[in-house]
PDB file of N, CA and C in Angstrom:
ATOM      1  N   MET A   1      12.840 -10.796   2.395  1.00  0.00           N
ATOM      2  CA  MET A   1      12.988  -9.377   2.172  1.00  0.00           C
ATOM      3  C   MET A   1      12.277  -8.998   0.869  1.00  0.00           C
ATOM      4  N   ALA A   2      11.513  -7.929   0.937  1.00  0.00           N
ATOM      5  CA  ALA A   2      10.788  -7.456  -0.239  1.00  0.00           C
ATOM      6  C   ALA A   2      10.977  -5.950  -0.374  1.00  0.00           C
ATOM      7  N   ARG A   3      10.739  -5.454  -1.570  1.00  0.00           N
ATOM      8  CA  ARG A   3      10.719  -4.014  -1.827  1.00  0.00           C
ATOM      9  C   ARG A   3       9.264  -3.572  -1.686  1.00  0.00           C
ATOM     10  N   ILE A   4       9.018  -2.643  -0.779  1.00  0.00           N
ATOM     11  CA  ILE A   4       7.653  -2.218  -0.492  1.00  0.00           C
ATOM     12  C   ILE A   4       7.531  -0.713  -0.676  1.00  0.00           C
ATOM     13  N   LEU A   5       6.535  -0.318  -1.448  1.00  0.00           N
ATOM     14  CA  LEU A   5       6.208   1.095  -1.654  1.00  0.00           C
ATOM     15  C   LEU A   5       5.011   1.424  -0.770  1.00  0.00           C
ATOM     16  N   ILE A   6       5.165   2.448   0.068  1.00  0.00           N
ATOM     17  CA  ILE A   6       4.073   2.893   0.934  1.00  0.00           C
ATOM     18  C   ILE A   6       3.651   4.286   0.468  1.00  0.00           C
ATOM     19  N   ILE A   7       2.345   4.449   0.246  1.00  0.00           N
ATOM     20  CA  ILE A   7       1.809   5.727  -0.211  1.00  0.00           C
ATOM     21  C   ILE A   7       0.737   6.163   0.785  1.00  0.00           C
ATOM     22  N   ASP A   8       0.989   7.258   1.475  1.00  0.00           N
ATOM     23  CA  ASP A   8       0.053   7.761   2.479  1.00  0.00           C
ATOM     24  C   ASP A   8       0.307   9.245   2.648  1.00  0.00           C
ATOM     25  N   ASP A   9      -0.748  10.037   2.730  1.00  0.00           N
ATOM     26  CA  ASP A   9      -0.568  11.480   2.890  1.00  0.00           C
ATOM     27  C   ASP A   9      -0.156  11.859   4.306  1.00  0.00           C
ATOM     28  N   SER A  10      -0.214  10.931   5.243  1.00  0.00           N
ATOM     29  CA  SER A  10       0.173  11.195   6.626  1.00  0.00           C
ATOM     30  C   SER A  10       1.605  10.724   6.875  1.00  0.00           C
ATOM     31  N   GLN A  11       2.488  11.661   7.189  1.00  0.00           N
ATOM     32  CA  GLN A  11       3.874  11.302   7.476  1.00  0.00           C
ATOM     33  C   GLN A  11       3.946  10.383   8.693  1.00  0.00           C
ATOM     34  N   ALA A  12       3.084  10.598   9.679  1.00  0.00           N
ATOM     35  CA  ALA A  12       3.078   9.740  10.871  1.00  0.00           C
ATOM     36  C   ALA A  12       2.736   8.298  10.498  1.00  0.00           C
ATOM     37  N   ASP A  13       1.753   8.104   9.617  1.00  0.00           N
ATOM     38  CA  ASP A  13       1.403   6.747   9.191  1.00  0.00           C
ATOM     39  C   ASP A  13       2.526   6.121   8.368  1.00  0.00           C
ATOM     40  N   LEU A  14       3.169   6.913   7.513  1.00  0.00           N
ATOM     41  CA  LEU A  14       4.318   6.404   6.758  1.00  0.00           C
ATOM     42  C   LEU A  14       5.409   5.929   7.703  1.00  0.00           C
ATOM     43  N   ASN A  15       5.705   6.745   8.696  1.00  0.00           N
ATOM     44  CA  ASN A  15       6.752   6.386   9.655  1.00  0.00           C
ATOM     45  C   ASN A  15       6.395   5.118  10.420  1.00  0.00           C
ATOM     46  N   PHE A  16       5.134   5.012  10.831  1.00  0.00           N
ATOM     47  CA  PHE A  16       4.691   3.839  11.589  1.00  0.00           C
ATOM     48  C   PHE A  16       4.807   2.570  10.747  1.00  0.00           C
ATOM     49  N   LEU A  17       4.307   2.614   9.512  1.00  0.00           N
ATOM     50  CA  LEU A  17       4.370   1.436   8.646  1.00  0.00           C
ATOM     51  C   LEU A  17       5.816   1.058   8.334  1.00  0.00           C
ATOM     52  N   ALA A  18       6.641   2.036   8.030  1.00  0.00           N
ATOM     53  CA  ALA A  18       8.047   1.755   7.739  1.00  0.00           C
ATOM     54  C   ALA A  18       8.734   1.126   8.946  1.00  0.00           C
ATOM     55  N   ALA A  19       8.484   1.659  10.125  1.00  0.00           N
ATOM     56  CA  ALA A  19       9.088   1.107  11.340  1.00  0.00           C
ATOM     57  C   ALA A  19       8.602  -0.321  11.602  1.00  0.00           C
ATOM     58  N   ALA A  20       7.348  -0.591  11.285  1.00  0.00           N
ATOM     59  CA  ALA A  20       6.808  -1.945  11.487  1.00  0.00           C
ATOM     60  C   ALA A  20       7.443  -2.951  10.534  1.00  0.00           C
ATOM     61  N   LEU A  21       7.792  -2.505   9.329  1.00  0.00           N
ATOM     62  CA  LEU A  21       8.297  -3.414   8.298  1.00  0.00           C
ATOM     63  C   LEU A  21       9.811  -3.579   8.296  1.00  0.00           C
ATOM     64  N   ARG A  22      10.542  -2.612   8.794  1.00  0.00           N
ATOM     65  CA  ARG A  22      12.009  -2.683   8.742  1.00  0.00           C
ATOM     66  C   ARG A  22      12.601  -3.866   9.505  1.00  0.00           C
ATOM     67  N   PRO A  23      12.057  -4.293  10.650  1.00  0.00           N
ATOM     68  CA  PRO A  23      12.657  -5.448  11.334  1.00  0.00           C
ATOM     69  C   PRO A  23      12.694  -6.720  10.479  1.00  0.00           C
ATOM     70  N   ALA A  24      11.836  -6.802   9.480  1.00  0.00           N
ATOM     71  CA  ALA A  24      11.833  -7.957   8.577  1.00  0.00           C
ATOM     72  C   ALA A  24      12.770  -7.720   7.386  1.00  0.00           C
ATOM     73  N   ASN A  25      13.580  -6.662   7.472  1.00  0.00           N
ATOM     74  CA  ASN A  25      14.569  -6.326   6.440  1.00  0.00           C
ATOM     75  C   ASN A  25      13.958  -5.973   5.091  1.00  0.00           C
ATOM     76  N   HIS A  26      12.722  -5.500   5.090  1.00  0.00           N
ATOM     77  CA  HIS A  26      12.126  -5.037   3.847  1.00  0.00           C
ATOM     78  C   HIS A  26      12.759  -3.701   3.458  1.00  0.00           C
ATOM     79  N   VAL A  27      12.864  -3.474   2.169  1.00  0.00           N
ATOM     80  CA  VAL A  27      13.365  -2.206   1.651  1.00  0.00           C
ATOM     81  C   VAL A  27      12.152  -1.321   1.404  1.00  0.00           C
ATOM     82  N   ILE A  28      12.110  -0.195   2.069  1.00  0.00           N
ATOM     83  CA  ILE A  28      10.928   0.651   2.070  1.00  0.00           C
ATOM     84  C   ILE A  28      11.165   1.929   1.276  1.00  0.00           C
ATOM     85  N   THR A  29      10.215   2.257   0.418  1.00  0.00           N
ATOM     86  CA  THR A  29      10.120   3.577  -0.193  1.00  0.00           C
ATOM     87  C   THR A  29       8.786   4.140   0.273  1.00  0.00           C
ATOM     88  N   ALA A  30       8.813   5.318   0.879  1.00  0.00           N
ATOM     89  CA  ALA A  30       7.595   5.920   1.412  1.00  0.00           C
ATOM     90  C   ALA A  30       7.400   7.289   0.791  1.00  0.00           C
ATOM     91  N   ILE A  31       6.196   7.515   0.241  1.00  0.00           N
ATOM     92  CA  ILE A  31       5.899   8.806  -0.369  1.00  0.00           C
ATOM     93  C   ILE A  31       4.542   9.321   0.116  1.00  0.00           C
ATOM     94  N   THR A  32       4.410  10.648   0.132  1.00  0.00           N
ATOM     95  CA  THR A  32       3.151  11.260   0.573  1.00  0.00           C
ATOM     96  C   THR A  32       2.310  11.759  -0.588  1.00  0.00           C
ATOM     97  N   ASP A  33       2.861  11.760  -1.790  1.00  0.00           N
ATOM     98  CA  ASP A  33       2.159  12.321  -2.945  1.00  0.00           C
ATOM     99  C   ASP A  33       1.586  11.208  -3.820  1.00  0.00           C
ATOM    100  N   PRO A  34       0.267  11.032  -3.814  1.00  0.00           N
ATOM    101  CA  PRO A  34      -0.310   9.967  -4.642  1.00  0.00           C
ATOM    102  C   PRO A  34      -0.099  10.189  -6.137  1.00  0.00           C
ATOM    103  N   GLU A  35       0.112  11.429  -6.547  1.00  0.00           N
ATOM    104  CA  GLU A  35       0.358  11.715  -7.960  1.00  0.00           C
ATOM    105  C   GLU A  35       1.698  11.144  -8.429  1.00  0.00           C
ATOM    106  N   ALA A  36       2.620  10.932  -7.507  1.00  0.00           N
ATOM    107  CA  ALA A  36       3.944  10.408  -7.845  1.00  0.00           C
ATOM    108  C   ALA A  36       4.015   8.881  -7.743  1.00  0.00           C
ATOM    109  N   ALA A  37       2.919   8.241  -7.400  1.00  0.00           N
ATOM    110  CA  ALA A  37       2.939   6.805  -7.101  1.00  0.00           C
ATOM    111  C   ALA A  37       3.346   5.946  -8.294  1.00  0.00           C
ATOM    112  N   VAL A  38       2.757   6.176  -9.446  1.00  0.00           N
ATOM    113  CA  VAL A  38       3.053   5.333 -10.610  1.00  0.00           C
ATOM    114  C   VAL A  38       4.515   5.503 -11.022  1.00  0.00           C
ATOM    115  N   ASP A  39       4.987   6.742 -11.106  1.00  0.00           N
ATOM    116  CA  ASP A  39       6.384   6.975 -11.498  1.00  0.00           C
ATOM    117  C   ASP A  39       7.349   6.352 -10.483  1.00  0.00           C
ATOM    118  N   THR A  40       7.037   6.490  -9.209  1.00  0.00           N
ATOM    119  CA  THR A  40       7.893   5.897  -8.172  1.00  0.00           C
ATOM    120  C   THR A  40       7.903   4.381  -8.285  1.00  0.00           C
ATOM    121  N   ALA A  41       6.745   3.791  -8.520  1.00  0.00           N
ATOM    122  CA  ALA A  41       6.674   2.334  -8.662  1.00  0.00           C
ATOM    123  C   ALA A  41       7.425   1.863  -9.906  1.00  0.00           C
ATOM    124  N   LEU A  42       7.317   2.596 -10.996  1.00  0.00           N
ATOM    125  CA  LEU A  42       8.063   2.236 -12.204  1.00  0.00           C
ATOM    126  C   LEU A  42       9.566   2.302 -11.958  1.00  0.00           C
ATOM    127  N   ARG A  43       9.995   3.305 -11.225  1.00  0.00           N
ATOM    128  CA  ARG A  43      11.421   3.473 -10.939  1.00  0.00           C
ATOM    129  C   ARG A  43      11.947   2.396  -9.990  1.00  0.00           C
ATOM    130  N   ASP A  44      11.181   2.112  -8.913  1.00  0.00           N
ATOM    131  CA  ASP A  44      11.676   1.227  -7.854  1.00  0.00           C
ATOM    132  C   ASP A  44      11.288  -0.240  -8.025  1.00  0.00           C
ATOM    133  N   GLN A  45      10.289  -0.509  -8.869  1.00  0.00           N
ATOM    134  CA  GLN A  45       9.829  -1.886  -9.100  1.00  0.00           C
ATOM    135  C   GLN A  45       9.580  -2.641  -7.783  1.00  0.00           C
ATOM    136  N   PRO A  46       8.654  -2.157  -6.959  1.00  0.00           N
ATOM    137  CA  PRO A  46       8.391  -2.824  -5.684  1.00  0.00           C
ATOM    138  C   PRO A  46       7.693  -4.176  -5.878  1.00  0.00           C
ATOM    139  N   ASP A  47       7.792  -5.005  -4.858  1.00  0.00           N
ATOM    140  CA  ASP A  47       7.087  -6.286  -4.841  1.00  0.00           C
ATOM    141  C   ASP A  47       5.653  -6.104  -4.341  1.00  0.00           C
ATOM    142  N   LEU A  48       5.436  -5.024  -3.593  1.00  0.00           N
ATOM    143  CA  LEU A  48       4.154  -4.779  -2.938  1.00  0.00           C
ATOM    144  C   LEU A  48       3.986  -3.285  -2.735  1.00  0.00           C
ATOM    145  N   ALA A  49       2.742  -2.801  -2.888  1.00  0.00           N
ATOM    146  CA  ALA A  49       2.422  -1.404  -2.580  1.00  0.00           C
ATOM    147  C   ALA A  49       1.368  -1.381  -1.485  1.00  0.00           C
ATOM    148  N   MET A  50       1.610  -0.582  -0.461  1.00  0.00           N
ATOM    149  CA  MET A  50       0.624  -0.348   0.594  1.00  0.00           C
ATOM    150  C   MET A  50       0.112   1.068   0.389  1.00  0.00           C
ATOM    151  N   ILE A  51      -1.191   1.189   0.127  1.00  0.00           N
ATOM    152  CA  ILE A  51      -1.757   2.464  -0.302  1.00  0.00           C
ATOM    153  C   ILE A  51      -2.897   2.889   0.618  1.00  0.00           C
ATOM    154  N   ASP A  52      -2.789   4.096   1.156  1.00  0.00           N
ATOM    155  CA  ASP A  52      -3.884   4.685   1.922  1.00  0.00           C
ATOM    156  C   ASP A  52      -5.042   4.937   0.968  1.00  0.00           C
ATOM    157  N   VAL A  53      -6.251   4.757   1.448  1.00  0.00           N
ATOM    158  CA  VAL A  53      -7.423   4.951   0.591  1.00  0.00           C
ATOM    159  C   VAL A  53      -7.778   6.423   0.473  1.00  0.00           C
ATOM    160  N   VAL A  54      -7.831   7.130   1.592  1.00  0.00           N
ATOM    161  CA  VAL A  54      -8.287   8.522   1.597  1.00  0.00           C
ATOM    162  C   VAL A  54      -7.083   9.454   1.585  1.00  0.00           C
ATOM    163  N   MET A  55      -6.871  10.086   0.422  1.00  0.00           N
ATOM    164  CA  MET A  55      -5.781  11.052   0.279  1.00  0.00           C
ATOM    165  C   MET A  55      -6.299  12.228  -0.540  1.00  0.00           C
ATOM    166  N   PRO A  56      -5.751  13.414  -0.304  1.00  0.00           N
ATOM    167  CA  PRO A  56      -6.206  14.566  -1.078  1.00  0.00           C
ATOM    168  C   PRO A  56      -5.745  14.481  -2.528  1.00  0.00           C
ATOM    169  N   GLY A  57      -6.616  14.878  -3.431  1.00  0.00           N
ATOM    170  CA  GLY A  57      -6.257  14.925  -4.839  1.00  0.00           C
ATOM    171  C   GLY A  57      -6.504  13.639  -5.585  1.00  0.00           C
ATOM    172  N   ARG A  58      -6.071  12.531  -5.027  1.00  0.00           N
ATOM    173  CA  ARG A  58      -6.203  11.256  -5.720  1.00  0.00           C
ATOM    174  C   ARG A  58      -6.364  10.154  -4.677  1.00  0.00           C
ATOM    175  N   SER A  59      -7.457   9.429  -4.763  1.00  0.00           N
ATOM    176  CA  SER A  59      -7.702   8.381  -3.775  1.00  0.00           C
ATOM    177  C   SER A  59      -6.775   7.193  -4.015  1.00  0.00           C
ATOM    178  N   GLY A  60      -6.617   6.388  -2.995  1.00  0.00           N
ATOM    179  CA  GLY A  60      -5.835   5.168  -3.141  1.00  0.00           C
ATOM    180  C   GLY A  60      -6.413   4.237  -4.188  1.00  0.00           C
ATOM    181  N   TYR A  61      -7.735   4.233  -4.331  1.00  0.00           N
ATOM    182  CA  TYR A  61      -8.364   3.412  -5.366  1.00  0.00           C
ATOM    183  C   TYR A  61      -7.913   3.875  -6.749  1.00  0.00           C
ATOM    184  N   ASP A  62      -7.882   5.199  -6.951  1.00  0.00           N
ATOM    185  CA  ASP A  62      -7.425   5.743  -8.228  1.00  0.00           C
ATOM    186  C   ASP A  62      -5.972   5.359  -8.499  1.00  0.00           C
ATOM    187  N   VAL A  63      -5.148   5.451  -7.463  1.00  0.00           N
ATOM    188  CA  VAL A  63      -3.730   5.095  -7.600  1.00  0.00           C
ATOM    189  C   VAL A  63      -3.592   3.630  -7.996  1.00  0.00           C
ATOM    190  N   ALA A  64      -4.308   2.753  -7.312  1.00  0.00           N
ATOM    191  CA  ALA A  64      -4.216   1.323  -7.612  1.00  0.00           C
ATOM    192  C   ALA A  64      -4.692   1.021  -9.029  1.00  0.00           C
ATOM    193  N   ARG A  65      -5.782   1.643  -9.441  1.00  0.00           N
ATOM    194  CA  ARG A  65      -6.273   1.416 -10.806  1.00  0.00           C
ATOM    195  C   ARG A  65      -5.260   1.903 -11.843  1.00  0.00           C
ATOM    196  N   ALA A  66      -4.620   3.044 -11.573  1.00  0.00           N
ATOM    197  CA  ALA A  66      -3.598   3.550 -12.495  1.00  0.00           C
ATOM    198  C   ALA A  66      -2.424   2.586 -12.579  1.00  0.00           C
ATOM    199  N   MET A  67      -2.057   2.020 -11.461  1.00  0.00           N
ATOM    200  CA  MET A  67      -0.960   1.043 -11.462  1.00  0.00           C
ATOM    201  C   MET A  67      -1.348  -0.197 -12.258  1.00  0.00           C
ATOM    202  N   LYS A  68      -2.556  -0.678 -12.061  1.00  0.00           N
ATOM    203  CA  LYS A  68      -3.011  -1.891 -12.755  1.00  0.00           C
ATOM    204  C   LYS A  68      -3.112  -1.667 -14.268  1.00  0.00           C
ATOM    205  N   ARG A  69      -3.371  -0.413 -14.678  1.00  0.00           N
ATOM    206  CA  ARG A  69      -3.449  -0.093 -16.111  1.00  0.00           C
ATOM    207  C   ARG A  69      -2.070   0.079 -16.754  1.00  0.00           C
ATOM    208  N   THR A  70      -1.033   0.166 -15.932  1.00  0.00           N
ATOM    209  CA  THR A  70       0.334   0.327 -16.430  1.00  0.00           C
ATOM    210  C   THR A  70       0.939  -1.064 -16.612  1.00  0.00           C
ATOM    211  N   PRO A  71       1.255  -1.442 -17.851  1.00  0.00           N
ATOM    212  CA  PRO A  71       1.693  -2.821 -18.102  1.00  0.00           C
ATOM    213  C   PRO A  71       2.811  -3.308 -17.183  1.00  0.00           C
ATOM    214  N   GLU A  72       3.793  -2.460 -16.903  1.00  0.00           N
ATOM    215  CA  GLU A  72       4.919  -2.876 -16.057  1.00  0.00           C
ATOM    216  C   GLU A  72       4.521  -3.078 -14.598  1.00  0.00           C
ATOM    217  N   LEU A  73       3.358  -2.572 -14.214  1.00  0.00           N
ATOM    218  CA  LEU A  73       2.910  -2.668 -12.819  1.00  0.00           C
ATOM    219  C   LEU A  73       1.645  -3.504 -12.668  1.00  0.00           C
ATOM    220  N   SER A  74       1.171  -4.065 -13.750  1.00  0.00           N
ATOM    221  CA  SER A  74      -0.129  -4.734 -13.716  1.00  0.00           C
ATOM    222  C   SER A  74      -0.185  -5.911 -12.745  1.00  0.00           C
ATOM    223  N   ASN A  75       0.941  -6.505 -12.415  1.00  0.00           N
ATOM    224  CA  ASN A  75       0.966  -7.630 -11.475  1.00  0.00           C
ATOM    225  C   ASN A  75       1.394  -7.225 -10.067  1.00  0.00           C
ATOM    226  N   LEU A  76       1.563  -5.925  -9.845  1.00  0.00           N
ATOM    227  CA  LEU A  76       1.978  -5.450  -8.530  1.00  0.00           C
ATOM    228  C   LEU A  76       0.902  -5.760  -7.493  1.00  0.00           C
ATOM    229  N   LYS A  77       1.308  -6.350  -6.389  1.00  0.00           N
ATOM    230  CA  LYS A  77       0.369  -6.637  -5.303  1.00  0.00           C
ATOM    231  C   LYS A  77       0.117  -5.347  -4.528  1.00  0.00           C
ATOM    232  N   VAL A  78      -1.165  -5.101  -4.249  1.00  0.00           N
ATOM    233  CA  VAL A  78      -1.585  -3.893  -3.546  1.00  0.00           C
ATOM    234  C   VAL A  78      -2.319  -4.283  -2.271  1.00  0.00           C
ATOM    235  N   ILE A  79      -1.960  -3.619  -1.192  1.00  0.00           N
ATOM    236  CA  ILE A  79      -2.699  -3.731   0.071  1.00  0.00           C
ATOM    237  C   ILE A  79      -3.195  -2.331   0.406  1.00  0.00           C
ATOM    238  N   PHE A  80      -4.499  -2.184   0.555  1.00  0.00           N
ATOM    239  CA  PHE A  80      -5.042  -0.896   0.972  1.00  0.00           C
ATOM    240  C   PHE A  80      -4.945  -0.771   2.478  1.00  0.00           C
ATOM    241  N   VAL A  81      -4.680   0.444   2.930  1.00  0.00           N
ATOM    242  CA  VAL A  81      -4.581   0.771   4.348  1.00  0.00           C
ATOM    243  C   VAL A  81      -5.541   1.928   4.577  1.00  0.00           C
ATOM    244  N   SER A  82      -6.513   1.745   5.475  1.00  0.00           N
ATOM    245  CA  SER A  82      -7.514   2.795   5.623  1.00  0.00           C
ATOM    246  C   SER A  82      -8.207   2.758   6.969  1.00  0.00           C
ATOM    247  N   SER A  83      -8.708   3.912   7.364  1.00  0.00           N
ATOM    248  CA  SER A  83      -9.576   3.987   8.541  1.00  0.00           C
ATOM    249  C   SER A  83     -11.006   3.603   8.171  1.00  0.00           C
ATOM    250  N   LYS A  84     -11.283   3.541   6.866  1.00  0.00           N
ATOM    251  CA  LYS A  84     -12.602   3.118   6.387  1.00  0.00           C
ATOM    252  C   LYS A  84     -12.621   1.589   6.409  1.00  0.00           C
ATOM    253  N   GLY A  85     -13.283   1.029   7.418  1.00  0.00           N
ATOM    254  CA  GLY A  85     -13.163  -0.405   7.600  1.00  0.00           C
ATOM    255  C   GLY A  85     -14.456  -1.187   7.651  1.00  0.00           C
ATOM    256  N   ASN A  86     -15.571  -0.620   7.171  1.00  0.00           N
ATOM    257  CA  ASN A  86     -16.776  -1.447   7.179  1.00  0.00           C
ATOM    258  C   ASN A  86     -16.705  -2.462   6.035  1.00  0.00           C
ATOM    259  N   ASP A  87     -17.587  -3.430   6.062  1.00  0.00           N
ATOM    260  CA  ASP A  87     -17.533  -4.527   5.090  1.00  0.00           C
ATOM    261  C   ASP A  87     -17.577  -4.041   3.647  1.00  0.00           C
ATOM    262  N   THR A  88     -18.400  -3.035   3.355  1.00  0.00           N
ATOM    263  CA  THR A  88     -18.492  -2.572   1.970  1.00  0.00           C
ATOM    264  C   THR A  88     -17.188  -1.898   1.522  1.00  0.00           C
ATOM    265  N   ASP A  89     -16.512  -1.193   2.441  1.00  0.00           N
ATOM    266  CA  ASP A  89     -15.227  -0.578   2.098  1.00  0.00           C
ATOM    267  C   ASP A  89     -14.191  -1.645   1.757  1.00  0.00           C
ATOM    268  N   VAL A  90     -14.113  -2.664   2.587  1.00  0.00           N
ATOM    269  CA  VAL A  90     -13.147  -3.733   2.368  1.00  0.00           C
ATOM    270  C   VAL A  90     -13.451  -4.468   1.060  1.00  0.00           C
ATOM    271  N   LYS A  91     -14.709  -4.807   0.844  1.00  0.00           N
ATOM    272  CA  LYS A  91     -15.078  -5.505  -0.398  1.00  0.00           C
ATOM    273  C   LYS A  91     -14.770  -4.658  -1.620  1.00  0.00           C
ATOM    274  N   TRP A  92     -15.050  -3.356  -1.540  1.00  0.00           N
ATOM    275  CA  TRP A  92     -14.764  -2.476  -2.663  1.00  0.00           C
ATOM    276  C   TRP A  92     -13.255  -2.423  -2.926  1.00  0.00           C
ATOM    277  N   GLY A  93     -12.471  -2.329  -1.873  1.00  0.00           N
ATOM    278  CA  GLY A  93     -11.024  -2.311  -2.033  1.00  0.00           C
ATOM    279  C   GLY A  93     -10.505  -3.573  -2.707  1.00  0.00           C
ATOM    280  N   LEU A  94     -11.034  -4.701  -2.322  1.00  0.00           N
ATOM    281  CA  LEU A  94     -10.614  -5.960  -2.935  1.00  0.00           C
ATOM    282  C   LEU A  94     -11.066  -6.034  -4.390  1.00  0.00           C
ATOM    283  N   ARG A  95     -12.240  -5.464  -4.684  1.00  0.00           N
ATOM    284  CA  ARG A  95     -12.712  -5.438  -6.073  1.00  0.00           C
ATOM    285  C   ARG A  95     -11.856  -4.529  -6.955  1.00  0.00           C
ATOM    286  N   GLN A  96     -11.134  -3.602  -6.327  1.00  0.00           N
ATOM    287  CA  GLN A  96     -10.241  -2.717  -7.071  1.00  0.00           C
ATOM    288  C   GLN A  96      -8.902  -3.390  -7.377  1.00  0.00           C
ATOM    289  N   GLY A  97      -8.755  -4.636  -6.966  1.00  0.00           N
ATOM    290  CA  GLY A  97      -7.552  -5.388  -7.286  1.00  0.00           C
ATOM    291  C   GLY A  97      -6.585  -5.591  -6.142  1.00  0.00           C
ATOM    292  N   ALA A  98      -6.958  -5.170  -4.948  1.00  0.00           N
ATOM    293  CA  ALA A  98      -6.066  -5.366  -3.805  1.00  0.00           C
ATOM    294  C   ALA A  98      -6.037  -6.833  -3.382  1.00  0.00           C
ATOM    295  N   VAL A  99      -4.888  -7.252  -2.854  1.00  0.00           N
ATOM    296  CA  VAL A  99      -4.768  -8.606  -2.320  1.00  0.00           C
ATOM    297  C   VAL A  99      -5.160  -8.651  -0.854  1.00  0.00           C
ATOM    298  N   ASP A 100      -5.209  -7.468  -0.208  1.00  0.00           N
ATOM    299  CA  ASP A 100      -5.592  -7.416   1.204  1.00  0.00           C
ATOM    300  C   ASP A 100      -5.972  -5.991   1.559  1.00  0.00           C
ATOM    301  N   TYR A 101      -6.496  -5.831   2.782  1.00  0.00           N
ATOM    302  CA  TYR A 101      -7.004  -4.534   3.236  1.00  0.00           C
ATOM    303  C   TYR A 101      -6.730  -4.459   4.730  1.00  0.00           C
ATOM    304  N   VAL A 102      -6.005  -3.440   5.165  1.00  0.00           N
ATOM    305  CA  VAL A 102      -5.661  -3.258   6.576  1.00  0.00           C
ATOM    306  C   VAL A 102      -6.449  -2.070   7.109  1.00  0.00           C
ATOM    307  N   VAL A 103      -7.120  -2.265   8.225  1.00  0.00           N
ATOM    308  CA  VAL A 103      -7.928  -1.202   8.818  1.00  0.00           C
ATOM    309  C   VAL A 103      -7.157  -0.539   9.959  1.00  0.00           C
ATOM    310  N   LYS A 104      -7.091   0.796   9.904  1.00  0.00           N
ATOM    311  CA  LYS A 104      -6.477   1.584  10.977  1.00  0.00           C
ATOM    312  C   LYS A 104      -7.436   1.628  12.157  1.00  0.00           C
ATOM    313  N   PRO A 105      -6.973   1.626  13.365  1.00  0.00           N
ATOM    314  CA  PRO A 105      -5.584   1.478  13.783  1.00  0.00           C
ATOM    315  C   PRO A 105      -5.149   0.015  13.705  1.00  0.00           C
ATOM    316  N   TYR A 106      -3.876  -0.195  13.525  1.00  0.00           N
ATOM    317  CA  TYR A 106      -3.306  -1.532  13.396  1.00  0.00           C
ATOM    318  C   TYR A 106      -2.044  -1.592  14.242  1.00  0.00           C
ATOM    319  N   THR A 107      -1.590  -2.795  14.487  1.00  0.00           N
ATOM    320  CA  THR A 107      -0.365  -2.981  15.254  1.00  0.00           C
ATOM    321  C   THR A 107       0.765  -3.371  14.302  1.00  0.00           C
ATOM    322  N   PRO A 108       2.000  -3.181  14.715  1.00  0.00           N
ATOM    323  CA  PRO A 108       3.113  -3.632  13.878  1.00  0.00           C
ATOM    324  C   PRO A 108       3.022  -5.132  13.561  1.00  0.00           C
ATOM    325  N   GLU A 109       2.568  -5.906  14.506  1.00  0.00           N
ATOM    326  CA  GLU A 109       2.439  -7.354  14.295  1.00  0.00           C
ATOM    327  C   GLU A 109       1.408  -7.658  13.210  1.00  0.00           C
ATOM    328  N   GLN A 110       0.307  -6.935  13.208  1.00  0.00           N
ATOM    329  CA  GLN A 110      -0.709  -7.128  12.166  1.00  0.00           C
ATOM    330  C   GLN A 110      -0.129  -6.799  10.789  1.00  0.00           C
ATOM    331  N   VAL A 111       0.578  -5.681  10.704  1.00  0.00           N
ATOM    332  CA  VAL A 111       1.161  -5.258   9.432  1.00  0.00           C
ATOM    333  C   VAL A 111       2.152  -6.305   8.934  1.00  0.00           C
ATOM    334  N   LEU A 112       3.050  -6.746   9.802  1.00  0.00           N
ATOM    335  CA  LEU A 112       4.035  -7.755   9.401  1.00  0.00           C
ATOM    336  C   LEU A 112       3.362  -9.050   8.965  1.00  0.00           C
ATOM    337  N   GLY A 113       2.340  -9.458   9.692  1.00  0.00           N
ATOM    338  CA  GLY A 113       1.632 -10.693   9.346  1.00  0.00           C
ATOM    339  C   GLY A 113       0.969 -10.617   7.985  1.00  0.00           C
ATOM    340  N   ILE A 114       0.296  -9.521   7.727  1.00  0.00           N
ATOM    341  CA  ILE A 114      -0.392  -9.364   6.441  1.00  0.00           C
ATOM    342  C   ILE A 114       0.617  -9.276   5.303  1.00  0.00           C
ATOM    343  N   VAL A 115       1.661  -8.496   5.477  1.00  0.00           N
ATOM    344  CA  VAL A 115       2.659  -8.365   4.426  1.00  0.00           C
ATOM    345  C   VAL A 115       3.355  -9.695   4.173  1.00  0.00           C
ATOM    346  N   SER A 116       3.692 -10.421   5.219  1.00  0.00           N
ATOM    347  CA  SER A 116       4.407 -11.691   5.037  1.00  0.00           C
ATOM    348  C   SER A 116       3.556 -12.724   4.257  1.00  0.00           C
ATOM    349  N   ARG A 117       2.247 -12.623   4.350  1.00  0.00           N
ATOM    350  CA  ARG A 117       1.383 -13.534   3.580  1.00  0.00           C
ATOM    351  C   ARG A 117       1.494 -13.289   2.081  1.00  0.00           C
ATOM    352  N   HIS A 118       1.901 -12.098   1.699  1.00  0.00           N
ATOM    353  CA  HIS A 118       1.874 -11.729   0.286  1.00  0.00           C
ATOM    354  C   HIS A 118       3.244 -11.570  -0.371  1.00  0.00           C
ATOM    355  N   VAL A 119       4.316 -11.546   0.402  1.00  0.00           N
ATOM    356  CA  VAL A 119       5.636 -11.368  -0.211  1.00  0.00           C
ATOM    357  C   VAL A 119       6.579 -12.539   0.018  1.00  0.00           C
ATOM    358  N   ASN A 120       6.219 -13.493   0.812  1.00  0.00           N
ATOM    359  CA  ASN A 120       7.120 -14.632   1.064  1.00  0.00           C
ATOM    360  C   ASN A 120       6.711 -15.840   0.275  1.00  0.00           C
TER     361      ASN A 120
END
């Protein structure tokens, strides 16, 4: 069981990811506002953050970099979740400090498998 923060501007994607992760008894915090990500992570101290790349106002890359610059969150594991899935997108996401990158569309089994590699 891990504490997982999900940040995505799409409520449908938040619901899907949360539903995929709950059978493994993960504790989920899901937010749609990327501006609230750092404060939420500081408050909840998650083991892992799953962050959408394309969001209005602040990209997932910006959110991850802000988290990495925050001393209390500098070791937080980040997985990017995006419809942008070409090789350069994935490589760029990993260069931003992510431990993994999930390309939409995905299955619940894929999500559980990727998350379990990083929190167990």
